[in-house]
């Protein structure tokens, strides 16, 4: 299992079994609009870090974007398989 699958599974578990104080549950409870805003915010932060050519900061921001995208996927019922199929179709 790769880290994306592992993290997605944790997010799905939080969705099914909420944990008090969990940031993932906070986002899921706030809903799609809040999650989407976080995806946008983290994407902008990634672009800014890239413009500064700060590799370590870019890596950290990409990790934030990836996490928030996985939360968005879970919120919307999109699986990693759905994403893989779409990427394969585009290849």
PDB file of N, CA and C in Angstrom:
ATOM      1  N   UNK A   1       0.857  -1.180   0.000  1.00  0.00           N
ATOM      2  CA  UNK A   1       0.000   0.000   0.000  1.00  0.00           C
ATOM      3  C   UNK A   1       0.898   1.236   0.000  1.00  0.00           C
ATOM      4  N   UNK A   2       0.614   2.159  -0.905  1.00  0.00           N
ATOM      5  CA  UNK A   2       1.410   3.383  -0.928  1.00  0.00           C
ATOM      6  C   UNK A   2       0.824   4.416   0.043  1.00  0.00           C
ATOM      7  N   UNK A   3       1.553   5.477   0.234  1.00  0.00           N
ATOM      8  CA  UNK A   3       1.166   6.491   1.226  1.00  0.00           C
ATOM      9  C   UNK A   3      -0.156   7.163   0.862  1.00  0.00           C
ATOM     10  N   UNK A   4      -0.444   7.336  -0.429  1.00  0.00           N
ATOM     11  CA  UNK A   4      -1.707   7.958  -0.823  1.00  0.00           C
ATOM     12  C   UNK A   4      -2.884   7.070  -0.447  1.00  0.00           C
ATOM     13  N   UNK A   5      -2.734   5.784  -0.707  1.00  0.00           N
ATOM     14  CA  UNK A   5      -3.790   4.835  -0.355  1.00  0.00           C
ATOM     15  C   UNK A   5      -3.960   4.765   1.171  1.00  0.00           C
ATOM     16  N   UNK A   6      -2.845   4.744   1.872  1.00  0.00           N
ATOM     17  CA  UNK A   6      -2.895   4.698   3.331  1.00  0.00           C
ATOM     18  C   UNK A   6      -3.598   5.937   3.892  1.00  0.00           C
ATOM     19  N   UNK A   7      -3.225   7.106   3.409  1.00  0.00           N
ATOM     20  CA  UNK A   7      -3.831   8.349   3.884  1.00  0.00           C
ATOM     21  C   UNK A   7      -5.308   8.413   3.506  1.00  0.00           C
ATOM     22  N   UNK A   8      -5.638   8.010   2.286  1.00  0.00           N
ATOM     23  CA  UNK A   8      -7.035   7.999   1.858  1.00  0.00           C
ATOM     24  C   UNK A   8      -7.861   7.081   2.765  1.00  0.00           C
ATOM     25  N   UNK A   9      -7.302   5.926   3.101  1.00  0.00           N
ATOM     26  CA  UNK A   9      -8.006   4.997   3.991  1.00  0.00           C
ATOM     27  C   UNK A   9      -8.220   5.593   5.380  1.00  0.00           C
ATOM     28  N   UNK A  10      -7.250   6.325   5.885  1.00  0.00           N
ATOM     29  CA  UNK A  10      -7.414   6.999   7.182  1.00  0.00           C
ATOM     30  C   UNK A  10      -8.533   8.031   7.087  1.00  0.00           C
ATOM     31  N   UNK A  11      -8.548   8.806   6.008  1.00  0.00           N
ATOM     32  CA  UNK A  11      -9.594   9.822   5.812  1.00  0.00           C
ATOM     33  C   UNK A  11     -10.967   9.154   5.738  1.00  0.00           C
ATOM     34  N   UNK A  12     -11.066   8.074   4.994  1.00  0.00           N
ATOM     35  CA  UNK A  12     -12.342   7.357   4.890  1.00  0.00           C
ATOM     36  C   UNK A  12     -12.761   6.789   6.251  1.00  0.00           C
ATOM     37  N   UNK A  13     -11.798   6.338   7.028  1.00  0.00           N
ATOM     38  CA  UNK A  13     -12.118   5.845   8.368  1.00  0.00           C
ATOM     39  C   UNK A  13     -12.621   6.975   9.255  1.00  0.00           C
ATOM     40  N   UNK A  14     -12.012   8.143   9.154  1.00  0.00           N
ATOM     41  CA  UNK A  14     -12.476   9.305   9.925  1.00  0.00           C
ATOM     42  C   UNK A  14     -13.899   9.685   9.514  1.00  0.00           C
ATOM     43  N   UNK A  15     -14.178   9.548   8.214  1.00  0.00           N
ATOM     44  CA  UNK A  15     -15.517   9.858   7.713  1.00  0.00           C
ATOM     45  C   UNK A  15     -16.543   8.901   8.317  1.00  0.00           C
ATOM     46  N   UNK A  16     -16.189   7.628   8.389  1.00  0.00           N
ATOM     47  CA  UNK A  16     -17.100   6.610   8.924  1.00  0.00           C
ATOM     48  C   UNK A  16     -17.126   6.587  10.443  1.00  0.00           C
ATOM     49  N   UNK A  17     -15.981   6.904  11.047  1.00  0.00           N
ATOM     50  CA  UNK A  17     -15.827   6.837  12.507  1.00  0.00           C
ATOM     51  C   UNK A  17     -15.172   8.112  13.014  1.00  0.00           C
ATOM     52  N   UNK A  18     -15.946   9.184  13.117  1.00  0.00           N
ATOM     53  CA  UNK A  18     -15.369  10.475  13.516  1.00  0.00           C
ATOM     54  C   UNK A  18     -14.582  10.403  14.820  1.00  0.00           C
ATOM     55  N   UNK A  19     -13.497  11.156  14.843  1.00  0.00           N
ATOM     56  CA  UNK A  19     -12.639  11.258  16.022  1.00  0.00           C
ATOM     57  C   UNK A  19     -12.672  12.711  16.477  1.00  0.00           C
ATOM     58  N   UNK A  20     -13.068  12.917  17.727  1.00  0.00           N
ATOM     59  CA  UNK A  20     -13.146  14.272  18.265  1.00  0.00           C
ATOM     60  C   UNK A  20     -11.778  14.944  18.190  1.00  0.00           C
ATOM     61  N   UNK A  21     -11.770  16.171  17.708  1.00  0.00           N
ATOM     62  CA  UNK A  21     -10.527  16.934  17.597  1.00  0.00           C
ATOM     63  C   UNK A  21      -9.753  16.667  16.319  1.00  0.00           C
ATOM     64  N   UNK A  22     -10.248  15.789  15.466  1.00  0.00           N
ATOM     65  CA  UNK A  22      -9.575  15.460  14.209  1.00  0.00           C
ATOM     66  C   UNK A  22      -9.767  16.586  13.198  1.00  0.00           C
ATOM     67  N   UNK A  23      -8.667  17.046  12.605  1.00  0.00           N
ATOM     68  CA  UNK A  23      -8.748  18.082  11.582  1.00  0.00           C
ATOM     69  C   UNK A  23      -9.511  17.565  10.363  1.00  0.00           C
ATOM     70  N   UNK A  24      -9.306  16.314  10.037  1.00  0.00           N
ATOM     71  CA  UNK A  24     -10.038  15.708   8.920  1.00  0.00           C
ATOM     72  C   UNK A  24     -11.537  15.782   9.179  1.00  0.00           C
ATOM     73  N   UNK A  25     -11.975  15.434  10.386  1.00  0.00           N
ATOM     74  CA  UNK A  25     -13.398  15.511  10.700  1.00  0.00           C
ATOM     75  C   UNK A  25     -13.894  16.948  10.698  1.00  0.00           C
ATOM     76  N   UNK A  26     -13.068  17.872  11.141  1.00  0.00           N
ATOM     77  CA  UNK A  26     -13.433  19.289  11.080  1.00  0.00           C
ATOM     78  C   UNK A  26     -13.760  19.675   9.644  1.00  0.00           C
ATOM     79  N   UNK A  27     -12.863  19.318   8.716  1.00  0.00           N
ATOM     80  CA  UNK A  27     -13.082  19.654   7.308  1.00  0.00           C
ATOM     81  C   UNK A  27     -14.334  18.974   6.763  1.00  0.00           C
ATOM     82  N   UNK A  28     -14.479  17.692   7.023  1.00  0.00           N
ATOM     83  CA  UNK A  28     -15.636  16.958   6.521  1.00  0.00           C
ATOM     84  C   UNK A  28     -16.940  17.531   7.074  1.00  0.00           C
ATOM     85  N   UNK A  29     -16.928  17.936   8.331  1.00  0.00           N
ATOM     86  CA  UNK A  29     -18.130  18.522   8.938  1.00  0.00           C
ATOM     87  C   UNK A  29     -18.458  19.888   8.346  1.00  0.00           C
ATOM     88  N   UNK A  30     -17.438  20.645   7.965  1.00  0.00           N
ATOM     89  CA  UNK A  30     -17.656  21.970   7.368  1.00  0.00           C
ATOM     90  C   UNK A  30     -18.193  21.858   5.945  1.00  0.00           C
ATOM     91  N   UNK A  31     -17.873  20.758   5.262  1.00  0.00           N
ATOM     92  CA  UNK A  31     -18.460  20.520   3.955  1.00  0.00           C
ATOM     93  C   UNK A  31     -17.561  20.834   2.773  1.00  0.00           C
ATOM     94  N   UNK A  32     -18.104  20.551   1.612  1.00  0.00           N
ATOM     95  CA  UNK A  32     -17.360  20.636   0.359  1.00  0.00           C
ATOM     96  C   UNK A  32     -16.796  22.030   0.101  1.00  0.00           C
ATOM     97  N   UNK A  33     -17.581  23.070   0.374  1.00  0.00           N
ATOM     98  CA  UNK A  33     -17.107  24.428   0.096  1.00  0.00           C
ATOM     99  C   UNK A  33     -15.841  24.748   0.896  1.00  0.00           C
ATOM    100  N   UNK A  34     -15.820  24.396   2.168  1.00  0.00           N
ATOM    101  CA  UNK A  34     -14.649  24.653   3.015  1.00  0.00           C
ATOM    102  C   UNK A  34     -13.443  23.852   2.514  1.00  0.00           C
ATOM    103  N   UNK A  35     -13.690  22.591   2.183  1.00  0.00           N
ATOM    104  CA  UNK A  35     -12.595  21.749   1.694  1.00  0.00           C
ATOM    105  C   UNK A  35     -12.044  22.318   0.385  1.00  0.00           C
ATOM    106  N   UNK A  36     -12.925  22.710  -0.511  1.00  0.00           N
ATOM    107  CA  UNK A  36     -12.498  23.280  -1.788  1.00  0.00           C
ATOM    108  C   UNK A  36     -11.676  24.549  -1.580  1.00  0.00           C
ATOM    109  N   UNK A  37     -12.080  25.372  -0.639  1.00  0.00           N
ATOM    110  CA  UNK A  37     -11.313  26.588  -0.336  1.00  0.00           C
ATOM    111  C   UNK A  37      -9.915  26.234   0.157  1.00  0.00           C
ATOM    112  N   UNK A  38      -9.813  25.200   0.978  1.00  0.00           N
ATOM    113  CA  UNK A  38      -8.501  24.780   1.475  1.00  0.00           C
ATOM    114  C   UNK A  38      -7.630  24.258   0.334  1.00  0.00           C
ATOM    115  N   UNK A  39      -8.217  23.524  -0.605  1.00  0.00           N
ATOM    116  CA  UNK A  39      -7.459  23.051  -1.763  1.00  0.00           C
ATOM    117  C   UNK A  39      -6.893  24.250  -2.516  1.00  0.00           C
ATOM    118  N   UNK A  40      -7.734  25.249  -2.761  1.00  0.00           N
ATOM    119  CA  UNK A  40      -7.282  26.452  -3.457  1.00  0.00           C
ATOM    120  C   UNK A  40      -6.202  27.196  -2.701  1.00  0.00           C
ATOM    121  N   UNK A  41      -6.398  27.341  -1.406  1.00  0.00           N
ATOM    122  CA  UNK A  41      -5.419  28.044  -0.559  1.00  0.00           C
ATOM    123  C   UNK A  41      -4.062  27.348  -0.616  1.00  0.00           C
ATOM    124  N   UNK A  42      -4.080  26.033  -0.479  1.00  0.00           N
ATOM    125  CA  UNK A  42      -2.820  25.286  -0.476  1.00  0.00           C
ATOM    126  C   UNK A  42      -2.164  25.296  -1.864  1.00  0.00           C
ATOM    127  N   UNK A  43      -2.970  25.302  -2.915  1.00  0.00           N
ATOM    128  CA  UNK A  43      -2.413  25.375  -4.267  1.00  0.00           C
ATOM    129  C   UNK A  43      -1.712  26.716  -4.486  1.00  0.00           C
ATOM    130  N   UNK A  44      -2.322  27.788  -4.003  1.00  0.00           N
ATOM    131  CA  UNK A  44      -1.698  29.114  -4.115  1.00  0.00           C
ATOM    132  C   UNK A  44      -0.391  29.147  -3.327  1.00  0.00           C
ATOM    133  N   UNK A  45      -0.408  28.581  -2.127  1.00  0.00           N
ATOM    134  CA  UNK A  45       0.815  28.549  -1.314  1.00  0.00           C
ATOM    135  C   UNK A  45       1.910  27.742  -2.018  1.00  0.00           C
ATOM    136  N   UNK A  46       1.521  26.691  -2.722  1.00  0.00           N
ATOM    137  CA  UNK A  46       2.486  25.899  -3.487  1.00  0.00           C
ATOM    138  C   UNK A  46       3.095  26.743  -4.604  1.00  0.00           C
ATOM    139  N   UNK A  47       2.261  27.475  -5.316  1.00  0.00           N
ATOM    140  CA  UNK A  47       2.744  28.324  -6.408  1.00  0.00           C
ATOM    141  C   UNK A  47       3.695  29.403  -5.882  1.00  0.00           C
ATOM    142  N   UNK A  48       3.362  29.992  -4.761  1.00  0.00           N
ATOM    143  CA  UNK A  48       4.216  31.030  -4.176  1.00  0.00           C
ATOM    144  C   UNK A  48       5.566  30.443  -3.779  1.00  0.00           C
ATOM    145  N   UNK A  49       5.542  29.266  -3.152  1.00  0.00           N
ATOM    146  CA  UNK A  49       6.798  28.613  -2.768  1.00  0.00           C
ATOM    147  C   UNK A  49       7.635  28.282  -3.999  1.00  0.00           C
ATOM    148  N   UNK A  50       6.975  27.846  -5.062  1.00  0.00           N
ATOM    149  CA  UNK A  50       7.688  27.523  -6.297  1.00  0.00           C
ATOM    150  C   UNK A  50       8.316  28.777  -6.902  1.00  0.00           C
ATOM    151  N   UNK A  51       7.593  29.874  -6.862  1.00  0.00           N
ATOM    152  CA  UNK A  51       8.122  31.131  -7.399  1.00  0.00           C
ATOM    153  C   UNK A  51       9.359  31.581  -6.624  1.00  0.00           C
ATOM    154  N   UNK A  52       9.394  31.243  -5.336  1.00  0.00           N
ATOM    155  CA  UNK A  52      10.559  31.575  -4.504  1.00  0.00           C
ATOM    156  C   UNK A  52      11.687  30.560  -4.684  1.00  0.00           C
ATOM    157  N   UNK A  53      11.390  29.490  -5.448  1.00  0.00           N
ATOM    158  CA  UNK A  53      12.360  28.422  -5.696  1.00  0.00           C
ATOM    159  C   UNK A  53      12.838  27.761  -4.409  1.00  0.00           C
ATOM    160  N   UNK A  54      11.918  27.636  -3.453  1.00  0.00           N
ATOM    161  CA  UNK A  54      12.230  27.003  -2.174  1.00  0.00           C
ATOM    162  C   UNK A  54      11.740  25.558  -2.215  1.00  0.00           C
ATOM    163  N   UNK A  55      12.628  24.651  -2.593  1.00  0.00           N
ATOM    164  CA  UNK A  55      12.251  23.249  -2.805  1.00  0.00           C
ATOM    165  C   UNK A  55      11.606  22.624  -1.573  1.00  0.00           C
ATOM    166  N   UNK A  56      12.191  22.831  -0.408  1.00  0.00           N
ATOM    167  CA  UNK A  56      11.631  22.227   0.804  1.00  0.00           C
ATOM    168  C   UNK A  56      10.223  22.736   1.089  1.00  0.00           C
ATOM    169  N   UNK A  57      10.015  24.021   0.888  1.00  0.00           N
ATOM    170  CA  UNK A  57       8.691  24.594   1.096  1.00  0.00           C
ATOM    171  C   UNK A  57       7.701  24.077   0.043  1.00  0.00           C
ATOM    172  N   UNK A  58       8.165  23.924  -1.184  1.00  0.00           N
ATOM    173  CA  UNK A  58       7.298  23.385  -2.233  1.00  0.00           C
ATOM    174  C   UNK A  58       6.857  21.969  -1.883  1.00  0.00           C
ATOM    175  N   UNK A  59       7.785  21.148  -1.436  1.00  0.00           N
ATOM    176  CA  UNK A  59       7.445  19.776  -1.046  1.00  0.00           C
ATOM    177  C   UNK A  59       6.398  19.782   0.070  1.00  0.00           C
ATOM    178  N   UNK A  60       6.591  20.629   1.072  1.00  0.00           N
ATOM    179  CA  UNK A  60       5.636  20.707   2.183  1.00  0.00           C
ATOM    180  C   UNK A  60       4.269  21.172   1.698  1.00  0.00           C
ATOM    181  N   UNK A  61       4.250  22.153   0.811  1.00  0.00           N
ATOM    182  CA  UNK A  61       2.973  22.666   0.306  1.00  0.00           C
ATOM    183  C   UNK A  61       2.282  21.658  -0.605  1.00  0.00           C
ATOM    184  N   UNK A  62       3.059  20.927  -1.407  1.00  0.00           N
ATOM    185  CA  UNK A  62       2.463  19.880  -2.235  1.00  0.00           C
ATOM    186  C   UNK A  62       1.821  18.816  -1.347  1.00  0.00           C
ATOM    187  N   UNK A  63       2.473  18.479  -0.253  1.00  0.00           N
ATOM    188  CA  UNK A  63       1.891  17.511   0.682  1.00  0.00           C
ATOM    189  C   UNK A  63       0.558  18.031   1.223  1.00  0.00           C
ATOM    190  N   UNK A  64       0.496  19.329   1.530  1.00  0.00           N
ATOM    191  CA  UNK A  64      -0.763  19.923   2.006  1.00  0.00           C
ATOM    192  C   UNK A  64      -1.850  19.846   0.932  1.00  0.00           C
ATOM    193  N   UNK A  65      -1.483  20.155  -0.310  1.00  0.00           N
ATOM    194  CA  UNK A  65      -2.453  20.090  -1.412  1.00  0.00           C
ATOM    195  C   UNK A  65      -2.948  18.654  -1.571  1.00  0.00           C
ATOM    196  N   UNK A  66      -2.028  17.707  -1.571  1.00  0.00           N
ATOM    197  CA  UNK A  66      -2.408  16.303  -1.756  1.00  0.00           C
ATOM    198  C   UNK A  66      -3.369  15.844  -0.664  1.00  0.00           C
ATOM    199  N   UNK A  67      -3.060  16.190   0.580  1.00  0.00           N
ATOM    200  CA  UNK A  67      -3.941  15.815   1.692  1.00  0.00           C
ATOM    201  C   UNK A  67      -5.341  16.395   1.490  1.00  0.00           C
ATOM    202  N   UNK A  68      -5.407  17.684   1.201  1.00  0.00           N
ATOM    203  CA  UNK A  68      -6.713  18.326   1.044  1.00  0.00           C
ATOM    204  C   UNK A  68      -7.467  17.787  -0.174  1.00  0.00           C
ATOM    205  N   UNK A  69      -6.754  17.420  -1.239  1.00  0.00           N
ATOM    206  CA  UNK A  69      -7.402  16.793  -2.385  1.00  0.00           C
ATOM    207  C   UNK A  69      -7.992  15.434  -1.999  1.00  0.00           C
ATOM    208  N   UNK A  70      -7.271  14.685  -1.187  1.00  0.00           N
ATOM    209  CA  UNK A  70      -7.791  13.391  -0.735  1.00  0.00           C
ATOM    210  C   UNK A  70      -9.028  13.572   0.137  1.00  0.00           C
ATOM    211  N   UNK A  71      -9.036  14.594   0.976  1.00  0.00           N
ATOM    212  CA  UNK A  71     -10.231  14.881   1.786  1.00  0.00           C
ATOM    213  C   UNK A  71     -11.390  15.248   0.871  1.00  0.00           C
ATOM    214  N   UNK A  72     -11.124  16.072  -0.137  1.00  0.00           N
ATOM    215  CA  UNK A  72     -12.164  16.444  -1.090  1.00  0.00           C
ATOM    216  C   UNK A  72     -12.704  15.216  -1.819  1.00  0.00           C
ATOM    217  N   UNK A  73     -11.808  14.342  -2.234  1.00  0.00           N
ATOM    218  CA  UNK A  73     -12.233  13.114  -2.897  1.00  0.00           C
ATOM    219  C   UNK A  73     -13.141  12.291  -1.987  1.00  0.00           C
ATOM    220  N   UNK A  74     -12.727  12.119  -0.748  1.00  0.00           N
ATOM    221  CA  UNK A  74     -13.534  11.346   0.203  1.00  0.00           C
ATOM    222  C   UNK A  74     -14.887  11.998   0.410  1.00  0.00           C
ATOM    223  N   UNK A  75     -14.889  13.304   0.538  1.00  0.00           N
ATOM    224  CA  UNK A  75     -16.129  14.046   0.745  1.00  0.00           C
ATOM    225  C   UNK A  75     -17.098  13.842  -0.419  1.00  0.00           C
ATOM    226  N   UNK A  76     -16.554  13.780  -1.626  1.00  0.00           N
ATOM    227  CA  UNK A  76     -17.390  13.696  -2.821  1.00  0.00           C
ATOM    228  C   UNK A  76     -17.605  12.264  -3.314  1.00  0.00           C
ATOM    229  N   UNK A  77     -17.068  11.288  -2.577  1.00  0.00           N
ATOM    230  CA  UNK A  77     -17.253   9.899  -2.969  1.00  0.00           C
ATOM    231  C   UNK A  77     -16.415   9.487  -4.168  1.00  0.00           C
ATOM    232  N   UNK A  78     -15.294  10.157  -4.362  1.00  0.00           N
ATOM    233  CA  UNK A  78     -14.374   9.837  -5.452  1.00  0.00           C
ATOM    234  C   UNK A  78     -13.279   8.941  -4.895  1.00  0.00           C
ATOM    235  N   UNK A  79     -13.045   7.820  -5.547  1.00  0.00           N
ATOM    236  CA  UNK A  79     -12.046   6.875  -5.063  1.00  0.00           C
ATOM    237  C   UNK A  79     -10.706   7.092  -5.771  1.00  0.00           C
ATOM    238  N   UNK A  80      -9.669   6.494  -5.205  1.00  0.00           N
ATOM    239  CA  UNK A  80      -8.370   6.530  -5.867  1.00  0.00           C
ATOM    240  C   UNK A  80      -8.450   5.797  -7.205  1.00  0.00           C
ATOM    241  N   UNK A  81      -9.281   4.771  -7.275  1.00  0.00           N
ATOM    242  CA  UNK A  81      -9.482   4.053  -8.535  1.00  0.00           C
ATOM    243  C   UNK A  81     -10.103   4.967  -9.589  1.00  0.00           C
ATOM    244  N   UNK A  82     -11.081   5.794  -9.175  1.00  0.00           N
ATOM    245  CA  UNK A  82     -11.676   6.758 -10.108  1.00  0.00           C
ATOM    246  C   UNK A  82     -10.601   7.676 -10.689  1.00  0.00           C
ATOM    247  N   UNK A  83      -9.730   8.156  -9.828  1.00  0.00           N
ATOM    248  CA  UNK A  83      -8.668   9.053 -10.260  1.00  0.00           C
ATOM    249  C   UNK A  83      -7.687   8.329 -11.180  1.00  0.00           C
ATOM    250  N   UNK A  84      -7.313   7.123 -10.801  1.00  0.00           N
ATOM    251  CA  UNK A  84      -6.396   6.332 -11.635  1.00  0.00           C
ATOM    252  C   UNK A  84      -6.974   6.090 -13.012  1.00  0.00           C
ATOM    253  N   UNK A  85      -8.253   5.752 -13.083  1.00  0.00           N
ATOM    254  CA  UNK A  85      -8.897   5.520 -14.386  1.00  0.00           C
ATOM    255  C   UNK A  85      -8.854   6.778 -15.242  1.00  0.00           C
ATOM    256  N   UNK A  86      -9.145   7.920 -14.636  1.00  0.00           N
ATOM    257  CA  UNK A  86      -9.133   9.180 -15.385  1.00  0.00           C
ATOM    258  C   UNK A  86      -7.729   9.488 -15.913  1.00  0.00           C
ATOM    259  N   UNK A  87      -6.728   9.309 -15.069  1.00  0.00           N
ATOM    260  CA  UNK A  87      -5.355   9.569 -15.511  1.00  0.00           C
ATOM    261  C   UNK A  87      -4.926   8.599 -16.599  1.00  0.00           C
ATOM    262  N   UNK A  88      -5.308   7.332 -16.481  1.00  0.00           N
ATOM    263  CA  UNK A  88      -4.973   6.348 -17.521  1.00  0.00           C
ATOM    264  C   UNK A  88      -5.657   6.696 -18.831  1.00  0.00           C
ATOM    265  N   UNK A  89      -6.911   7.147 -18.761  1.00  0.00           N
ATOM    266  CA  UNK A  89      -7.628   7.546 -19.982  1.00  0.00           C
ATOM    267  C   UNK A  89      -6.928   8.711 -20.673  1.00  0.00           C
ATOM    268  N   UNK A  90      -6.346   9.593 -19.902  1.00  0.00           N
ATOM    269  CA  UNK A  90      -5.671  10.757 -20.476  1.00  0.00           C
ATOM    270  C   UNK A  90      -4.307  10.408 -21.055  1.00  0.00           C
ATOM    271  N   UNK A  91      -3.732   9.345 -20.597  1.00  0.00           N
ATOM    272  CA  UNK A  91      -2.404   8.928 -21.052  1.00  0.00           C
ATOM    273  C   UNK A  91      -2.527   8.400 -22.444  1.00  0.00           C
TER     274      UNK A  91
END
